[in-house]
Protein backbone atom coordinates (compact mmCIF):
# COMPACT_ATOMS: atom_id res chain seq x y z
CA MET A 1 18.60 21.52 -1.82
CA LYS A 2 18.56 21.06 -6.07
CA PHE A 3 15.38 19.48 -6.63
CA LYS A 4 15.02 17.88 -10.08
CA THR A 5 12.85 18.98 -12.99
CA TRP A 6 9.48 17.05 -11.54
CA THR A 7 9.50 18.88 -8.54
CA VAL A 8 8.08 22.03 -10.43
CA GLY A 9 5.13 19.83 -11.24
CA ILE A 10 1.79 18.56 -9.55
CA ALA A 11 0.30 15.65 -9.51
CA VAL A 12 -3.75 14.68 -11.40
CA LEU A 13 -6.36 12.60 -10.55
CA ALA A 14 -9.62 12.15 -12.60
CA LEU A 15 -12.66 13.06 -10.59
CA THR A 16 -16.42 12.74 -11.61
CA SER A 17 -18.46 14.94 -14.15
CA ALA A 18 -17.94 18.46 -12.00
CA PRO A 19 -14.24 18.55 -11.14
CA VAL A 20 -14.74 18.75 -7.01
CA PHE A 21 -13.75 17.42 -4.77
CA ALA A 22 -15.65 15.01 -2.18
CA GLU A 23 -15.33 14.54 1.39
CA ASP A 24 -16.24 12.25 3.60
CA SER A 25 -17.91 12.07 7.06
CA LEU A 26 -14.33 12.98 8.58
CA GLY A 27 -13.56 15.88 6.06
CA GLN A 28 -10.97 13.50 4.15
CA TRP A 29 -11.02 13.34 0.86
CA SER A 30 -12.38 10.29 -0.50
CA PHE A 31 -10.76 9.13 -4.11
CA ASP A 32 -12.94 5.87 -3.64
CA GLU A 33 -15.93 8.15 -4.31
CA GLN A 34 -14.96 10.14 -6.61
CA VAL A 35 -14.47 7.30 -9.56
CA THR A 36 -18.48 6.12 -8.41
CA PRO A 37 -19.84 6.05 -12.00
CA VAL A 38 -22.95 9.02 -12.00
CA GLY A 39 -26.04 9.62 -13.91
CA CYS A 40 -28.72 7.24 -13.48
CA CYS A 41 -26.77 5.31 -10.84
CA ASP A 42 -27.33 7.95 -8.23
CA SER A 43 -31.41 7.25 -8.60
CA GLY A 44 -31.56 4.15 -7.39
CA CYS A 45 -32.49 1.05 -8.96
CA ASP A 46 -33.93 0.74 -12.10
CA ASP A 47 -33.95 -1.16 -15.77
CA CYS A 48 -30.03 -0.53 -16.40
CA GLY A 49 -29.11 -1.92 -13.38
CA CYS A 50 -27.05 -0.25 -10.29
CA GLY A 51 -23.74 0.57 -11.21
CA SER A 52 -24.03 -0.16 -15.08
CA SER A 53 -21.79 1.67 -16.60
CA ALA A 54 -23.54 1.10 -19.98
CA CYS A 55 -26.38 3.23 -18.15
CA CYS A 56 -24.31 5.74 -16.72
CA GLY A 57 -21.31 6.33 -19.59
CA GLY A 58 -17.86 6.12 -19.06
CA ARG A 59 -16.01 8.67 -17.74
CA GLY A 60 -12.19 7.73 -18.32
CA LEU A 61 -9.75 7.90 -21.08
CA LEU A 62 -10.51 4.92 -22.44
CA SER A 63 -14.16 4.34 -22.37
CA GLY A 64 -15.93 2.99 -25.07
CA MET A 65 -12.95 1.83 -26.78
CA GLY A 66 -14.01 -2.05 -26.17
CA SER A 67 -13.73 -1.74 -22.41
CA GLY A 68 -17.09 -2.16 -21.59
CA TRP A 69 -16.51 -5.68 -19.83
CA LEU A 70 -14.04 -4.46 -17.52
CA GLU A 71 -15.85 -1.39 -16.72
CA GLY A 72 -18.68 -3.04 -15.92
CA MET A 73 -16.95 -5.20 -13.64
CA SER A 74 -19.06 -5.03 -10.23
CA LEU A 75 -18.74 -8.27 -7.83
CA SER A 76 -22.09 -6.46 -5.99
CA SER A 77 -24.07 -7.42 -9.35
CA ALA A 78 -22.43 -10.75 -10.02
CA LEU A 79 -23.60 -12.03 -6.86
CA GLY A 80 -27.46 -10.50 -7.58
CA LEU A 81 -26.69 -7.39 -4.36
CA ASP A 82 -27.40 -4.14 -7.01
CA CYS A 83 -30.51 -3.29 -4.38
CA SER A 84 -29.51 -4.78 -1.47
CA ARG A 85 -28.20 -3.44 1.39
CA ILE A 86 -25.33 -5.68 1.53
CA ASP A 87 -22.70 -3.87 0.02
CA VAL A 88 -19.41 -5.91 -1.34
CA GLY A 89 -16.77 -5.52 -3.77
CA GLY A 90 -13.33 -4.75 -3.53
CA TRP A 91 -10.01 -3.86 -5.73
CA THR A 92 -6.69 -5.21 -6.97
CA GLN A 93 -3.84 -3.00 -6.76
CA PHE A 94 -0.19 -3.34 -8.95
CA GLY A 95 2.70 -1.14 -8.33
CA TYR A 96 5.97 -0.71 -8.69
CA HIS A 97 8.96 1.95 -7.35
CA ASP A 98 12.59 2.13 -7.52
CA SER A 99 13.46 2.77 -3.96
CA PRO A 100 11.97 2.08 -0.69
CA THR A 101 9.68 4.67 1.53
CA PRO A 102 12.63 5.57 4.16
CA LEU A 103 12.60 6.06 8.03
CA ALA A 104 10.70 2.95 9.07
CA THR A 105 11.23 -0.40 8.08
CA GLY A 106 8.85 -2.32 7.16
CA SER A 107 6.76 0.45 6.16
CA PHE A 108 4.73 0.74 2.72
CA ASN A 109 6.29 0.49 -0.15
CA ASN A 110 8.93 -1.32 1.38
CA VAL A 111 9.65 -3.99 -1.73
CA PRO A 112 11.48 -1.81 -5.00
CA LYS A 113 12.26 -2.61 -7.99
CA GLU A 114 9.57 -5.41 -8.29
CA LEU A 115 6.13 -5.20 -9.93
CA ASN A 116 3.84 -5.71 -6.54
CA LEU A 117 0.25 -6.95 -5.71
CA HIS A 118 -0.11 -4.22 -3.14
CA GLN A 119 -3.93 -4.79 -2.24
CA GLN A 120 -5.92 -7.62 -3.57
CA TRP A 121 -9.07 -6.28 -1.56
CA PHE A 122 -12.74 -7.57 -0.49
CA TYR A 123 -15.34 -6.24 1.52
CA LEU A 124 -18.47 -7.29 3.10
CA GLY A 125 -20.64 -4.54 5.20
CA ARG A 126 -24.09 -3.37 5.73
CA GLU A 127 -24.59 0.27 7.48
CA ALA A 128 -26.18 0.89 10.34
CA ASP A 129 -29.02 3.70 9.13
CA GLY A 130 -30.92 4.86 13.07
CA SER A 131 -32.46 7.27 10.90
CA ASN A 132 -35.59 5.44 11.06
CA GLY A 133 -34.91 3.72 14.64
CA LEU A 134 -32.82 1.08 15.88
CA ASP A 135 -30.58 -0.31 12.96
CA PHE A 136 -27.73 -2.90 13.01
CA GLY A 137 -25.05 -3.47 10.35
CA PHE A 138 -21.55 -4.65 10.02
CA ARG A 139 -18.31 -4.94 7.87
CA ALA A 140 -15.31 -7.44 6.97
CA ASP A 141 -11.93 -6.67 5.33
CA PHE A 142 -10.01 -9.14 3.92
CA VAL A 143 -6.77 -7.85 2.31
CA TYR A 144 -3.89 -10.07 0.54
CA GLY A 145 -0.62 -8.20 -0.56
CA THR A 146 2.60 -6.65 0.46
CA ASP A 147 0.34 -4.28 2.48
CA ALA A 148 -1.05 -7.17 4.58
CA GLN A 149 1.55 -6.96 6.81
CA LYS A 150 1.36 -3.34 7.38
CA THR A 151 -2.62 -3.53 8.11
CA GLN A 152 -2.53 -6.34 10.20
CA SER A 153 -2.57 -6.59 14.53
CA PHE A 154 1.36 -5.95 14.39
CA ASN A 155 0.63 -4.41 17.96
CA ASN A 156 -0.61 -7.83 19.10
CA PRO A 157 1.79 -10.11 21.68
CA GLY A 158 3.68 -12.18 19.65
CA ALA A 159 3.26 -10.05 16.42
CA THR A 160 7.14 -9.80 16.08
CA VAL A 161 8.10 -13.46 16.15
CA PRO A 162 7.75 -14.41 12.23
CA LYS A 163 3.84 -16.13 11.67
CA GLY A 164 3.69 -15.42 15.66
CA GLY A 165 0.88 -13.53 16.98
CA THR A 166 -2.60 -13.35 17.49
CA PHE A 167 -5.65 -12.32 15.06
CA ASP A 168 -4.17 -11.65 11.32
CA ALA A 169 -0.53 -11.06 12.97
CA GLY A 170 1.04 -13.88 11.64
CA PHE A 171 -0.76 -14.46 8.34
CA ASP A 172 1.78 -13.72 6.21
CA HIS A 173 5.08 -15.31 3.87
CA GLY A 174 7.61 -13.37 2.53
CA VAL A 175 6.93 -10.05 1.81
CA TYR A 176 2.95 -11.00 0.90
CA GLY A 177 0.60 -11.72 3.55
CA TRP A 178 -3.35 -11.68 4.71
CA ALA A 179 -5.06 -8.86 6.58
CA ILE A 180 -8.47 -8.27 8.83
CA PRO A 181 -8.58 -4.63 8.66
CA GLN A 182 -11.79 -4.28 9.73
CA LEU A 183 -14.47 -6.68 11.62
CA TYR A 184 -17.12 -5.13 13.62
CA VAL A 185 -20.76 -4.70 14.08
CA GLU A 186 -22.38 -1.11 14.83
CA VAL A 187 -25.67 -0.20 16.33
CA ALA A 188 -27.39 3.22 15.02
CA LYS A 189 -30.47 4.81 16.68
CA GLY A 190 -31.16 8.54 15.79
CA ASP A 191 -28.03 10.42 15.29
CA LEU A 192 -25.88 8.10 17.25
CA ALA A 193 -23.91 5.51 15.86
CA VAL A 194 -21.22 2.90 17.67
CA LYS A 195 -18.93 0.64 16.03
CA ILE A 196 -17.87 -2.21 18.35
CA GLY A 197 -14.95 -4.65 17.43
CA HIS A 198 -11.83 -3.99 14.84
CA PHE A 199 -11.77 -1.11 12.72
CA PHE A 200 -9.83 1.60 11.35
CA THR A 201 -8.00 4.83 13.06
CA ILE A 202 -9.97 8.26 12.28
CA ALA A 203 -6.88 9.93 13.39
CA GLY A 204 -5.07 11.58 10.19
CA TYR A 205 -5.66 12.58 6.30
CA GLU A 206 -4.03 9.19 4.69
CA VAL A 207 -5.94 5.75 5.08
CA ILE A 208 -5.06 2.62 4.15
CA PRO A 209 -6.97 1.05 1.28
CA ALA A 210 -5.75 2.48 -1.52
CA THR A 211 -8.81 3.40 -3.10
CA GLY A 212 -9.12 6.44 -0.26
CA ASN A 213 -5.86 8.41 -1.36
CA PHE A 214 -4.18 10.55 -4.11
CA PHE A 215 -1.00 9.36 -4.03
CA TYR A 216 0.81 5.78 -4.63
CA SER A 217 3.60 6.58 -2.11
CA HIS A 218 2.54 7.50 1.78
CA SER A 219 3.47 10.16 4.04
CA LEU A 220 6.15 9.33 6.66
CA ALA A 221 3.34 11.02 9.43
CA MET A 222 1.46 8.22 8.89
CA PHE A 223 3.18 5.58 9.63
CA ASN A 224 5.65 6.84 12.07
CA ALA A 225 3.20 9.33 14.29
CA GLU A 226 -0.28 7.58 13.53
CA PRO A 227 -2.05 4.37 14.58
CA PHE A 228 -3.60 2.56 11.29
CA THR A 229 -6.42 0.29 13.52
CA HIS A 230 -8.38 -0.19 16.81
CA THR A 231 -9.97 -3.02 18.78
CA GLY A 232 -12.80 -1.50 21.06
CA VAL A 233 -15.71 0.60 21.25
CA LEU A 234 -16.43 4.05 18.49
CA ALA A 235 -18.94 6.20 18.99
CA THR A 236 -20.11 9.09 16.42
CA TYR A 237 -22.96 11.62 16.75
CA THR A 238 -24.04 13.87 14.61
CA GLY A 239 -27.15 15.80 16.03
CA TYR A 240 -24.91 19.18 16.10
CA GLU A 241 -25.81 21.22 12.50
CA ASN A 242 -22.23 21.25 11.04
CA MET A 243 -20.31 18.66 13.72
CA THR A 244 -19.56 15.50 14.14
CA LEU A 245 -18.14 14.24 17.98
CA PHE A 246 -15.95 11.26 18.09
CA SER A 247 -15.23 8.83 21.41
CA GLY A 248 -14.43 6.08 22.02
CA TRP A 249 -11.89 3.14 23.83
CA SER A 250 -9.45 0.91 22.29
CA VAL A 251 -6.98 -1.37 23.59
CA GLY A 252 -4.07 0.11 22.29
CA TRP A 253 -2.87 1.00 18.40
CA ASP A 254 -2.69 -1.68 15.66
CA THR A 255 -3.89 -4.58 18.20
CA GLY A 256 -6.52 -6.95 16.92
CA PHE A 257 -8.74 -8.89 19.93
CA ASP A 258 -6.21 -8.64 21.94
CA GLN A 259 -4.07 -6.19 24.30
CA PHE A 260 -0.10 -6.02 24.50
CA ASN A 261 1.14 -7.99 27.29
CA GLY A 262 -2.18 -8.33 28.48
CA GLY A 263 -2.07 -7.26 32.00
CA GLY A 264 1.95 -6.17 32.22
CA PRO A 265 3.50 -2.85 32.68
CA SER A 266 2.37 -2.07 29.07
CA HIS A 267 -0.98 -3.76 28.37
CA GLY A 268 -2.80 -1.06 25.68
CA ASN A 269 -5.97 0.99 27.14
CA ASN A 270 -6.05 4.39 25.51
CA LEU A 271 -9.49 7.10 25.21
CA ILE A 272 -9.92 7.92 21.18
CA GLY A 273 -11.93 11.47 21.11
CA GLY A 274 -12.30 14.30 18.37
CA PHE A 275 -14.85 16.29 16.18
CA SER A 276 -14.93 16.86 12.53
CA ALA A 277 -16.48 20.88 12.10
CA ASP A 278 -17.76 22.50 8.78
CA LEU A 279 -16.15 26.16 9.87
CA HIS A 280 -17.77 27.29 6.62
CA ASP A 281 -18.84 26.05 3.23
CA TRP A 282 -15.57 25.31 2.13
CA VAL A 283 -13.41 24.53 5.37
CA THR A 284 -13.85 21.78 7.19
CA MET A 285 -11.54 20.61 10.60
CA THR A 286 -11.52 17.37 11.96
CA TYR A 287 -9.28 16.89 15.39
CA VAL A 288 -8.99 13.53 17.05
CA ASN A 289 -6.33 12.92 19.16
CA THR A 290 -5.39 9.65 21.92
CA TYR A 291 -4.96 9.44 25.22
CA GLY A 292 -3.69 6.45 27.64
CA ASP A 293 -1.41 3.24 27.18
CA LEU A 294 -1.00 2.84 23.71
CA GLY A 295 0.44 -0.57 24.27
CA ALA A 296 3.42 -1.93 22.30
CA ILE A 297 4.76 1.46 21.20
CA SER A 298 4.60 2.41 24.52
CA THR A 299 7.06 1.09 27.76
CA THR A 300 6.56 2.42 30.67
CA GLY A 301 3.81 4.83 30.93
CA ASP A 302 -0.04 5.26 30.70
CA GLU A 303 0.34 9.43 29.60
CA ASP A 304 0.91 8.97 26.20
CA HIS A 305 -0.67 11.27 23.90
CA SER A 306 -1.55 11.71 20.15
CA HIS A 307 -3.15 14.00 18.29
CA SER A 308 -3.92 14.90 14.81
CA LEU A 309 -5.48 18.35 13.37
CA VAL A 310 -6.84 18.79 9.28
CA PHE A 311 -8.07 20.91 7.47
CA ASP A 312 -9.92 20.68 4.49
CA VAL A 313 -10.07 23.81 2.42
CA THR A 314 -11.92 23.77 -1.34
CA LEU A 315 -10.25 27.11 -2.49
CA THR A 316 -12.43 26.55 -6.09
CA ASP A 317 -14.69 23.82 -8.15
CA ASN A 318 -11.03 22.76 -9.29
CA LEU A 319 -8.52 23.59 -6.18
CA ASN A 320 -8.32 22.01 -3.22
CA TYR A 321 -5.89 22.85 -0.13
CA VAL A 322 -5.43 20.58 2.96
CA TRP A 323 -3.38 21.24 5.56
CA GLN A 324 -2.60 18.52 8.74
CA THR A 325 -0.28 18.15 11.84
CA ASP A 326 0.52 14.99 14.02
CA TYR A 327 1.67 15.04 17.52
CA LEU A 328 2.72 12.08 19.44
CA SER A 329 3.99 11.68 22.76
CA ILE A 330 5.93 8.49 24.62
CA ASP A 331 6.08 8.71 28.18
CA GLU A 332 8.85 6.01 28.94
CA ALA A 333 11.33 5.75 32.08
CA VAL A 334 14.36 7.61 30.46
CA GLY A 335 11.97 10.56 29.45
CA VAL A 336 9.21 11.55 26.65
CA ARG A 337 9.51 10.75 23.28
CA GLU A 338 8.43 12.93 20.50
CA THR A 339 7.23 12.67 16.95
CA VAL A 340 5.53 16.15 15.27
CA GLY A 341 4.81 17.23 11.77
CA ILE A 342 2.88 19.27 9.27
CA ASN A 343 1.95 17.73 6.22
CA GLN A 344 0.54 20.23 3.02
CA TYR A 345 -1.26 18.78 -0.19
CA LEU A 346 -2.45 20.99 -3.28
CA PHE A 347 -4.91 19.52 -5.74
CA TYR A 348 -5.81 20.77 -8.82
CA ALA A 349 -8.69 19.64 -10.96
CA TYR A 350 -7.68 20.05 -14.92
CA ASN A 351 -10.89 17.90 -16.49
CA ASP A 352 -12.58 14.70 -15.87
CA ILE A 353 -10.34 12.45 -16.99
CA VAL A 354 -6.92 14.51 -14.74
CA THR A 355 -6.53 16.61 -11.84
CA PHE A 356 -2.88 17.69 -10.38
CA GLY A 357 -1.34 17.61 -6.70
CA ASN A 358 1.44 18.06 -4.51
CA ARG A 359 2.15 17.11 -1.00
CA ILE A 360 5.34 18.33 0.86
CA GLU A 361 5.78 16.74 4.88
CA TRP A 362 8.46 18.04 7.48
CA LEU A 363 8.43 15.24 10.32
CA ARG A 364 10.96 15.45 13.04
CA VAL A 365 11.45 12.36 14.73
CA ASP A 366 13.20 12.56 18.38
CA GLY A 367 14.73 15.64 17.32
CA LEU A 368 15.79 14.74 13.66
CA SER A 369 13.87 16.24 10.94
CA ASN A 370 12.81 14.36 8.00
CA TYR A 371 11.64 16.00 4.98
CA GLU A 372 9.65 14.63 1.69
CA PHE A 373 8.52 15.97 -1.26
CA THR A 374 5.99 14.24 -3.71
CA SER A 375 4.32 15.15 -7.09
CA GLY A 376 1.79 12.57 -8.74
CA VAL A 377 -0.38 12.27 -11.55
CA ASN A 378 -3.39 9.92 -11.02
CA ILE A 379 -5.09 9.55 -14.77
CA GLN A 380 -8.70 8.06 -14.58
CA LEU A 381 -8.53 5.31 -17.74
CA LEU A 382 -11.82 4.18 -17.12
CA ASP A 383 -14.75 4.94 -14.83
CA ASN A 384 -12.98 2.20 -12.48
CA LEU A 385 -9.85 2.13 -13.54
CA VAL A 386 -7.15 4.77 -12.51
CA LEU A 387 -3.11 5.10 -13.29
CA ARG A 388 -1.22 6.84 -10.89
CA PRO A 389 2.40 7.84 -11.76
CA GLU A 390 4.21 9.95 -9.06
CA ALA A 391 8.02 11.06 -8.57
CA ARG A 392 9.06 12.12 -4.71
CA LYS A 393 12.54 13.26 -2.30
CA ASP A 394 12.84 12.37 0.89
CA TRP A 395 15.69 14.20 2.59
CA VAL A 396 17.31 14.68 5.65
CA PRO A 397 19.83 17.73 6.34
CA ALA A 398 21.68 16.22 9.42
CA THR A 399 22.29 12.83 7.92
CA GLY A 400 22.78 13.93 4.50
CA PHE A 401 20.52 11.16 3.59
CA ASP A 402 18.70 12.51 -0.09
CA GLN A 403 16.58 10.29 -1.89
CA ASP A 404 15.03 10.15 -5.52
CA MET A 405 11.63 7.58 -6.03
CA PHE A 406 9.87 6.97 -8.86
CA GLY A 407 6.60 4.59 -8.81
CA ALA A 408 3.25 4.09 -10.16
CA ASP A 409 0.21 2.06 -9.76
CA MET A 410 -3.03 1.05 -11.21
CA ILE A 411 -6.18 0.37 -9.10
CA LEU A 412 -9.04 -1.57 -10.73
CA THR A 413 -12.39 -1.11 -8.65
CA TYR A 414 -15.20 -3.86 -8.83
């Protein structure tokens, strides 16, 4: 293969005041946490207000250049909820790419050569805190844009019919639409927390919210070997040192308060299990599997199986490496369909404004190997505004498919 000169570059993202990588409870690198203002904001509520960039100081390339009104945007502040346990906020993501992401019809970034509103996102929630006994919480997310149809309950009954399906499956018009990717209540006591309702999957490394990813585009594995959402119950236990356990049940992949062909031969009924473990101060391993009848992607069996394994390695304060593998097996009357892949990520934090990163991927779907390499650059323009240009190459040696793509987006959080 002949790679263009961009393939030797590495992508960029701005981090907190020290260029280190943060992880969430699943060992996944969280962009959203990286762009939260630091300083007095960490100490709680005071005279300058929670989340005030005037108090905390700007850390973006354009901070202090007459952008205070934009950098200080906060939906929570506007509603007077700065010091409340109610968490409210959102973001706006616009992007442009010159070629569609291959391999899956209806995948992310499938409306090329147009400036798209990918995600206009709002959320409202309250985290259940069981540290002082029984506590309750909830979460509701709402999104509008070209990404909405990918986050709807597209495996609900009737979802393949235009504007059909139950729950949010029919909330679309053209390439745009609405989705409710999360709607759940949560109960917590001590080290145990339980979600009940519609929630994001815990499988994989990349996530649906644009604020949770380094790259503008997504991996092939995310759309072809992993679920996006579940409706069911998920328990999380943190009582063991350096380990978190997950256990739950859902009505198939990507369903919303319904089952595919309810009561039929493929209705969706699967277990969710896994764990996240700190193997060392600098190595986190997360394993998640689903087993049973996965719903619409299955046809005849109840022995469908998937697993996702992620190693997140902090090599230095500035360098982070991620290795991920996915496996999906679908039991059918004519045999077993298999999808297997490996993703690798490398991120280098150059300074507070800029970081570099690469992603290289191999994904085999029913015996056909697909490859993808992405090199992008994220630039922190303001505390709450990031620019993420990238260059990507996809190729399939067996078919001769070879595609170069350039894309860029901007995300404003508030």
